[in-house]
Every structure is written in C-alpha cells, then in structure tokens.
Full PDB file with SEQRES, HELIX, SHEET, SSBOND, CRYST1, ORIGX, SCALE, CONECT and MASTER records, all heavy atoms in Angstrom:
SEQRES   1 A   28  LEU LYS LYS TYR THR HIS GLU LEU ASP ALA LEU GLY PRO          
SEQRES   2 A   28  GLU LEU ALA GLU SER PRO ALA SER ILE VAL LEU SER MET          
SEQRES   3 A   28  ILE THR                                                      
HELIX    1 AA1 LYS A    2  LEU A   11  1                                  10    
HELIX    2 AA2 PRO A   19  ILE A   27  1                                   9    
CRYST1    1.000    1.000    1.000  90.00  90.00  90.00 P 1           1          
ORIGX1      1.000000  0.000000  0.000000        0.00000                         
ORIGX2      0.000000  1.000000  0.000000        0.00000                         
ORIGX3      0.000000  0.000000  1.000000        0.00000                         
SCALE1      1.000000  0.000000  0.000000        0.00000                         
SCALE2      0.000000  1.000000  0.000000        0.00000                         
SCALE3      0.000000  0.000000  1.000000        0.00000                         
ATOM      1  N   LEU A   1      26.342  15.706 -46.535  1.00  0.00           N  
ATOM      2  CA  LEU A   1      27.005  16.990 -46.773  1.00  0.00           C  
ATOM      3  C   LEU A   1      25.948  18.032 -47.208  1.00  0.00           C  
ATOM      4  O   LEU A   1      25.955  19.155 -46.739  1.00  0.00           O  
ATOM      5  CB  LEU A   1      28.094  16.835 -47.823  1.00  0.00           C  
ATOM      6  CG  LEU A   1      28.869  18.141 -48.198  1.00  0.00           C  
ATOM      7  CD1 LEU A   1      29.534  18.745 -46.959  1.00  0.00           C  
ATOM      8  CD2 LEU A   1      29.904  17.899 -49.247  1.00  0.00           C  
ATOM      9  N   LYS A   2      25.054  17.620 -48.067  1.00  0.00           N  
ATOM     10  CA  LYS A   2      23.999  18.462 -48.541  1.00  0.00           C  
ATOM     11  C   LYS A   2      23.091  18.878 -47.350  1.00  0.00           C  
ATOM     12  O   LYS A   2      22.681  20.088 -47.220  1.00  0.00           O  
ATOM     13  CB  LYS A   2      23.201  17.791 -49.629  1.00  0.00           C  
ATOM     14  CG  LYS A   2      22.143  18.668 -50.284  1.00  0.00           C  
ATOM     15  CD  LYS A   2      21.418  17.878 -51.365  1.00  0.00           C  
ATOM     16  CE  LYS A   2      20.377  18.821 -52.072  1.00  0.00           C  
ATOM     17  NZ  LYS A   2      19.649  18.056 -53.119  1.00  0.00           N  
ATOM     18  N   LYS A   3      22.759  17.925 -46.535  1.00  0.00           N  
ATOM     19  CA  LYS A   3      21.852  18.179 -45.408  1.00  0.00           C  
ATOM     20  C   LYS A   3      22.482  19.173 -44.430  1.00  0.00           C  
ATOM     21  O   LYS A   3      21.859  20.195 -44.021  1.00  0.00           O  
ATOM     22  CB  LYS A   3      21.604  16.857 -44.625  1.00  0.00           C  
ATOM     23  CG  LYS A   3      20.869  16.996 -43.355  1.00  0.00           C  
ATOM     24  CD  LYS A   3      20.894  15.689 -42.516  1.00  0.00           C  
ATOM     25  CE  LYS A   3      20.537  15.939 -41.053  1.00  0.00           C  
ATOM     26  NZ  LYS A   3      20.776  14.828 -40.226  1.00  0.00           N  
ATOM     27  N   TYR A   4      23.805  18.951 -44.009  1.00  0.00           N  
ATOM     28  CA  TYR A   4      24.416  19.801 -43.035  1.00  0.00           C  
ATOM     29  C   TYR A   4      24.745  21.190 -43.632  1.00  0.00           C  
ATOM     30  O   TYR A   4      24.716  22.177 -42.927  1.00  0.00           O  
ATOM     31  CB  TYR A   4      25.638  19.121 -42.485  1.00  0.00           C  
ATOM     32  CG  TYR A   4      25.347  18.068 -41.478  1.00  0.00           C  
ATOM     33  CD1 TYR A   4      25.456  16.731 -41.831  1.00  0.00           C  
ATOM     34  CD2 TYR A   4      24.938  18.443 -40.194  1.00  0.00           C  
ATOM     35  CE1 TYR A   4      25.126  15.737 -40.846  1.00  0.00           C  
ATOM     36  CE2 TYR A   4      24.621  17.423 -39.250  1.00  0.00           C  
ATOM     37  CZ  TYR A   4      24.662  16.144 -39.590  1.00  0.00           C  
ATOM     38  OH  TYR A   4      24.398  15.138 -38.639  1.00  0.00           O  
ATOM     39  N   THR A   5      25.041  21.230 -44.936  1.00  0.00           N  
ATOM     40  CA  THR A   5      25.296  22.536 -45.596  1.00  0.00           C  
ATOM     41  C   THR A   5      24.006  23.415 -45.545  1.00  0.00           C  
ATOM     42  O   THR A   5      24.058  24.565 -45.289  1.00  0.00           O  
ATOM     43  CB  THR A   5      25.786  22.345 -47.043  1.00  0.00           C  
ATOM     44  OG1 THR A   5      26.950  21.580 -47.053  1.00  0.00           O  
ATOM     45  CG2 THR A   5      26.059  23.666 -47.691  1.00  0.00           C  
ATOM     46  N   HIS A   6      22.831  22.718 -45.899  1.00  0.00           N  
ATOM     47  CA  HIS A   6      21.572  23.403 -45.857  1.00  0.00           C  
ATOM     48  C   HIS A   6      21.273  23.926 -44.461  1.00  0.00           C  
ATOM     49  O   HIS A   6      20.770  25.041 -44.253  1.00  0.00           O  
ATOM     50  CB  HIS A   6      20.484  22.481 -46.401  1.00  0.00           C  
ATOM     51  CG  HIS A   6      19.131  23.089 -46.344  1.00  0.00           C  
ATOM     52  ND1 HIS A   6      18.724  24.057 -47.239  1.00  0.00           N  
ATOM     53  CD2 HIS A   6      18.064  22.933 -45.501  1.00  0.00           C  
ATOM     54  CE1 HIS A   6      17.496  24.393 -47.023  1.00  0.00           C  
ATOM     55  NE2 HIS A   6      17.055  23.741 -45.944  1.00  0.00           N  
ATOM     56  N   GLU A   7      21.524  23.046 -43.481  1.00  0.00           N  
ATOM     57  CA  GLU A   7      21.236  23.452 -42.087  1.00  0.00           C  
ATOM     58  C   GLU A   7      22.141  24.588 -41.674  1.00  0.00           C  
ATOM     59  O   GLU A   7      21.704  25.502 -40.937  1.00  0.00           O  
ATOM     60  CB  GLU A   7      21.465  22.221 -41.177  1.00  0.00           C  
ATOM     61  CG  GLU A   7      20.911  22.409 -39.777  1.00  0.00           C  
ATOM     62  CD  GLU A   7      20.945  21.118 -39.006  1.00  0.00           C  
ATOM     63  OE1 GLU A   7      20.860  20.017 -39.581  1.00  0.00           O  
ATOM     64  OE2 GLU A   7      21.123  21.224 -37.717  1.00  0.00           O  
ATOM     65  N   LEU A   8      23.373  24.607 -42.118  1.00  0.00           N  
ATOM     66  CA  LEU A   8      24.335  25.684 -41.751  1.00  0.00           C  
ATOM     67  C   LEU A   8      23.873  26.982 -42.358  1.00  0.00           C  
ATOM     68  O   LEU A   8      23.921  28.078 -41.747  1.00  0.00           O  
ATOM     69  CB  LEU A   8      25.691  25.316 -42.243  1.00  0.00           C  
ATOM     70  CG  LEU A   8      26.836  26.191 -41.782  1.00  0.00           C  
ATOM     71  CD1 LEU A   8      26.971  26.234 -40.305  1.00  0.00           C  
ATOM     72  CD2 LEU A   8      28.165  25.732 -42.372  1.00  0.00           C  
ATOM     73  N   ASP A   9      23.358  26.885 -43.586  1.00  0.00           N  
ATOM     74  CA  ASP A   9      22.922  28.116 -44.290  1.00  0.00           C  
ATOM     75  C   ASP A   9      21.668  28.656 -43.515  1.00  0.00           C  
ATOM     76  O   ASP A   9      21.506  29.870 -43.386  1.00  0.00           O  
ATOM     77  CB  ASP A   9      22.488  27.838 -45.757  1.00  0.00           C  
ATOM     78  CG  ASP A   9      23.696  27.527 -46.605  1.00  0.00           C  
ATOM     79  OD1 ASP A   9      24.794  27.916 -46.225  1.00  0.00           O  
ATOM     80  OD2 ASP A   9      23.533  26.879 -47.646  1.00  0.00           O  
ATOM     81  N   ALA A  10      20.800  27.797 -43.041  1.00  0.00           N  
ATOM     82  CA  ALA A  10      19.611  28.222 -42.310  1.00  0.00           C  
ATOM     83  C   ALA A  10      20.022  28.903 -41.022  1.00  0.00           C  
ATOM     84  O   ALA A  10      19.349  29.826 -40.522  1.00  0.00           O  
ATOM     85  CB  ALA A  10      18.690  27.017 -42.060  1.00  0.00           C  
ATOM     86  N   LEU A  11      21.054  28.391 -40.353  1.00  0.00           N  
ATOM     87  CA  LEU A  11      21.518  28.990 -39.060  1.00  0.00           C  
ATOM     88  C   LEU A  11      22.161  30.351 -39.310  1.00  0.00           C  
ATOM     89  O   LEU A  11      22.132  31.152 -38.357  1.00  0.00           O  
ATOM     90  CB  LEU A  11      22.480  28.045 -38.411  1.00  0.00           C  
ATOM     91  CG  LEU A  11      21.953  26.751 -37.848  1.00  0.00           C  
ATOM     92  CD1 LEU A  11      23.086  25.833 -37.450  1.00  0.00           C  
ATOM     93  CD2 LEU A  11      21.072  26.989 -36.646  1.00  0.00           C  
ATOM     94  N   GLY A  12      22.633  30.571 -40.495  1.00  0.00           N  
ATOM     95  CA  GLY A  12      23.268  31.839 -40.777  1.00  0.00           C  
ATOM     96  C   GLY A  12      24.690  31.954 -40.240  1.00  0.00           C  
ATOM     97  O   GLY A  12      25.168  31.123 -39.447  1.00  0.00           O  
ATOM     98  N   PRO A  13      25.461  32.914 -40.742  1.00  0.00           N  
ATOM     99  CA  PRO A  13      26.892  33.039 -40.321  1.00  0.00           C  
ATOM    100  C   PRO A  13      26.951  33.562 -38.861  1.00  0.00           C  
ATOM    101  O   PRO A  13      25.943  34.022 -38.273  1.00  0.00           O  
ATOM    102  CB  PRO A  13      27.435  34.050 -41.273  1.00  0.00           C  
ATOM    103  CG  PRO A  13      26.282  34.891 -41.677  1.00  0.00           C  
ATOM    104  CD  PRO A  13      25.068  33.926 -41.689  1.00  0.00           C  
ATOM    105  N   GLU A  14      28.125  33.435 -38.323  1.00  0.00           N  
ATOM    106  CA  GLU A  14      28.335  34.021 -36.978  1.00  0.00           C  
ATOM    107  C   GLU A  14      28.147  35.523 -37.007  1.00  0.00           C  
ATOM    108  O   GLU A  14      28.220  36.140 -38.085  1.00  0.00           O  
ATOM    109  CB  GLU A  14      29.727  33.683 -36.473  1.00  0.00           C  
ATOM    110  CG  GLU A  14      29.956  32.209 -36.169  1.00  0.00           C  
ATOM    111  CD  GLU A  14      31.280  31.909 -35.567  1.00  0.00           C  
ATOM    112  OE1 GLU A  14      31.539  32.560 -34.500  1.00  0.00           O  
ATOM    113  OE2 GLU A  14      32.068  31.120 -36.131  1.00  0.00           O  
ATOM    114  N   LEU A  15      27.846  36.086 -35.861  1.00  0.00           N  
ATOM    115  CA  LEU A  15      27.434  37.522 -35.741  1.00  0.00           C  
ATOM    116  C   LEU A  15      28.544  38.367 -36.340  1.00  0.00           C  
ATOM    117  O   LEU A  15      29.590  38.495 -35.717  1.00  0.00           O  
ATOM    118  CB  LEU A  15      27.196  37.864 -34.277  1.00  0.00           C  
ATOM    119  CG  LEU A  15      26.563  39.258 -34.067  1.00  0.00           C  
ATOM    120  CD1 LEU A  15      25.200  39.333 -34.772  1.00  0.00           C  
ATOM    121  CD2 LEU A  15      26.355  39.494 -32.617  1.00  0.00           C  
ATOM    122  N   ALA A  16      28.268  38.938 -37.517  1.00  0.00           N  
ATOM    123  CA  ALA A  16      29.273  39.822 -38.148  1.00  0.00           C  
ATOM    124  C   ALA A  16      28.657  41.147 -38.458  1.00  0.00           C  
ATOM    125  O   ALA A  16      29.375  42.133 -38.687  1.00  0.00           O  
ATOM    126  CB  ALA A  16      29.771  39.176 -39.447  1.00  0.00           C  
ATOM    127  N   GLU A  17      27.316  41.244 -38.465  1.00  0.00           N  
ATOM    128  CA  GLU A  17      26.668  42.468 -38.737  1.00  0.00           C  
ATOM    129  C   GLU A  17      26.466  43.274 -37.455  1.00  0.00           C  
ATOM    130  O   GLU A  17      26.556  42.802 -36.373  1.00  0.00           O  
ATOM    131  CB  GLU A  17      25.283  42.182 -39.358  1.00  0.00           C  
ATOM    132  CG  GLU A  17      25.319  41.346 -40.623  1.00  0.00           C  
ATOM    133  CD  GLU A  17      23.902  40.961 -41.093  1.00  0.00           C  
ATOM    134  OE1 GLU A  17      23.251  41.726 -41.718  1.00  0.00           O  
ATOM    135  OE2 GLU A  17      23.498  39.800 -40.680  1.00  0.00           O  
ATOM    136  N   SER A  18      26.129  44.568 -37.615  1.00  0.00           N  
ATOM    137  CA  SER A  18      25.807  45.427 -36.490  1.00  0.00           C  
ATOM    138  C   SER A  18      24.392  45.015 -35.990  1.00  0.00           C  
ATOM    139  O   SER A  18      23.551  44.557 -36.665  1.00  0.00           O  
ATOM    140  CB  SER A  18      25.815  46.860 -36.890  1.00  0.00           C  
ATOM    141  OG  SER A  18      24.725  47.101 -37.718  1.00  0.00           O  
ATOM    142  N   PRO A  19      24.189  45.260 -34.655  1.00  0.00           N  
ATOM    143  CA  PRO A  19      22.897  45.000 -34.077  1.00  0.00           C  
ATOM    144  C   PRO A  19      21.751  45.652 -34.793  1.00  0.00           C  
ATOM    145  O   PRO A  19      20.695  45.002 -35.054  1.00  0.00           O  
ATOM    146  CB  PRO A  19      23.014  45.493 -32.652  1.00  0.00           C  
ATOM    147  CG  PRO A  19      24.489  45.415 -32.333  1.00  0.00           C  
ATOM    148  CD  PRO A  19      25.193  45.726 -33.625  1.00  0.00           C  
ATOM    149  N   ALA A  20      21.920  46.889 -35.206  1.00  0.00           N  
ATOM    150  CA  ALA A  20      20.900  47.619 -35.892  1.00  0.00           C  
ATOM    151  C   ALA A  20      20.561  46.933 -37.234  1.00  0.00           C  
ATOM    152  O   ALA A  20      19.369  46.822 -37.661  1.00  0.00           O  
ATOM    153  CB  ALA A  20      21.272  49.032 -36.158  1.00  0.00           C  
ATOM    154  N   SER A  21      21.648  46.471 -37.946  1.00  0.00           N  
ATOM    155  CA  SER A  21      21.401  45.796 -39.193  1.00  0.00           C  
ATOM    156  C   SER A  21      20.674  44.483 -39.022  1.00  0.00           C  
ATOM    157  O   SER A  21      19.809  44.145 -39.860  1.00  0.00           O  
ATOM    158  CB  SER A  21      22.737  45.528 -39.859  1.00  0.00           C  
ATOM    159  OG  SER A  21      22.649  44.787 -41.034  1.00  0.00           O  
ATOM    160  N   ILE A  22      20.914  43.791 -37.977  1.00  0.00           N  
ATOM    161  CA  ILE A  22      20.234  42.515 -37.694  1.00  0.00           C  
ATOM    162  C   ILE A  22      18.790  42.719 -37.430  1.00  0.00           C  
ATOM    163  O   ILE A  22      17.886  42.076 -37.922  1.00  0.00           O  
ATOM    164  CB  ILE A  22      20.909  41.758 -36.552  1.00  0.00           C  
ATOM    165  CG1 ILE A  22      22.339  41.306 -36.890  1.00  0.00           C  
ATOM    166  CG2 ILE A  22      20.037  40.547 -36.120  1.00  0.00           C  
ATOM    167  CD1 ILE A  22      23.141  40.806 -35.757  1.00  0.00           C  
ATOM    168  N   VAL A  23      18.487  43.791 -36.622  1.00  0.00           N  
ATOM    169  CA  VAL A  23      17.077  44.130 -36.275  1.00  0.00           C  
ATOM    170  C   VAL A  23      16.291  44.506 -37.523  1.00  0.00           C  
ATOM    171  O   VAL A  23      15.214  44.069 -37.797  1.00  0.00           O  
ATOM    172  CB  VAL A  23      17.068  45.212 -35.168  1.00  0.00           C  
ATOM    173  CG1 VAL A  23      15.645  45.691 -34.980  1.00  0.00           C  
ATOM    174  CG2 VAL A  23      17.631  44.692 -33.852  1.00  0.00           C  
ATOM    175  N   LEU A  24      16.940  45.368 -38.369  1.00  0.00           N  
ATOM    176  CA  LEU A  24      16.296  45.839 -39.543  1.00  0.00           C  
ATOM    177  C   LEU A  24      16.040  44.627 -40.516  1.00  0.00           C  
ATOM    178  O   LEU A  24      14.971  44.573 -41.080  1.00  0.00           O  
ATOM    179  CB  LEU A  24      17.276  46.828 -40.296  1.00  0.00           C  
ATOM    180  CG  LEU A  24      16.769  47.370 -41.659  1.00  0.00           C  
ATOM    181  CD1 LEU A  24      15.473  48.112 -41.517  1.00  0.00           C  
ATOM    182  CD2 LEU A  24      17.791  48.278 -42.267  1.00  0.00           C  
ATOM    183  N   SER A  25      17.000  43.773 -40.613  1.00  0.00           N  
ATOM    184  CA  SER A  25      16.868  42.590 -41.482  1.00  0.00           C  
ATOM    185  C   SER A  25      15.692  41.702 -40.982  1.00  0.00           C  
ATOM    186  O   SER A  25      14.869  41.222 -41.793  1.00  0.00           O  
ATOM    187  CB  SER A  25      18.160  41.729 -41.498  1.00  0.00           C  
ATOM    188  OG  SER A  25      17.996  40.566 -42.252  1.00  0.00           O  
ATOM    189  N   MET A  26      15.618  41.487 -39.665  1.00  0.00           N  
ATOM    190  CA  MET A  26      14.553  40.620 -39.178  1.00  0.00           C  
ATOM    191  C   MET A  26      13.152  41.263 -39.339  1.00  0.00           C  
ATOM    192  O   MET A  26      12.185  40.616 -39.677  1.00  0.00           O  
ATOM    193  CB  MET A  26      14.755  40.296 -37.684  1.00  0.00           C  
ATOM    194  CG  MET A  26      13.744  39.354 -37.106  1.00  0.00           C  
ATOM    195  SD  MET A  26      14.061  38.753 -35.476  1.00  0.00           S  
ATOM    196  CE  MET A  26      15.328  37.505 -35.807  1.00  0.00           C  
ATOM    197  N   ILE A  27      13.045  42.607 -39.089  1.00  0.00           N  
ATOM    198  CA  ILE A  27      11.787  43.311 -39.311  1.00  0.00           C  
ATOM    199  C   ILE A  27      11.355  43.223 -40.780  1.00  0.00           C  
ATOM    200  O   ILE A  27      10.225  42.970 -40.984  1.00  0.00           O  
ATOM    201  CB  ILE A  27      11.913  44.714 -38.822  1.00  0.00           C  
ATOM    202  CG1 ILE A  27      12.062  44.836 -37.272  1.00  0.00           C  
ATOM    203  CG2 ILE A  27      10.717  45.582 -39.268  1.00  0.00           C  
ATOM    204  CD1 ILE A  27      12.350  46.218 -36.742  1.00  0.00           C  
ATOM    205  N   THR A  28      12.263  43.478 -41.673  1.00  0.00           N  
ATOM    206  CA  THR A  28      11.969  43.368 -43.044  1.00  0.00           C  
ATOM    207  C   THR A  28      11.549  41.980 -43.454  1.00  0.00           C  
ATOM    208  O   THR A  28      10.520  41.827 -44.220  1.00  0.00           O  
ATOM    209  CB  THR A  28      13.233  43.821 -43.864  1.00  0.00           C  
ATOM    210  OG1 THR A  28      13.652  45.098 -43.487  1.00  0.00           O  
ATOM    211  CG2 THR A  28      12.856  43.824 -45.397  1.00  0.00           C  
TER     212      THR A  28                                                      
MASTER        0    0    0    2    0    0    0    6  211    1    0    3          
END                                                                             
C-alpha cells in the first residue's frame, strides 16, 4: 500500500489544472 500510494503521488492527479498552470508549474 505504501509503495503504490507513493507511486500514485509521483504520477500526480488526473488533469484538473489549466494547460497554462501545468506549463508554469513544470517550468518553475
């Protein structure tokens, strides 16, 4: 459970942010 929870956190949530917000987050 710990392993898969950590892996899920690393994958991030499903696309819920705006494209501009995702780009800004990745650049930062």
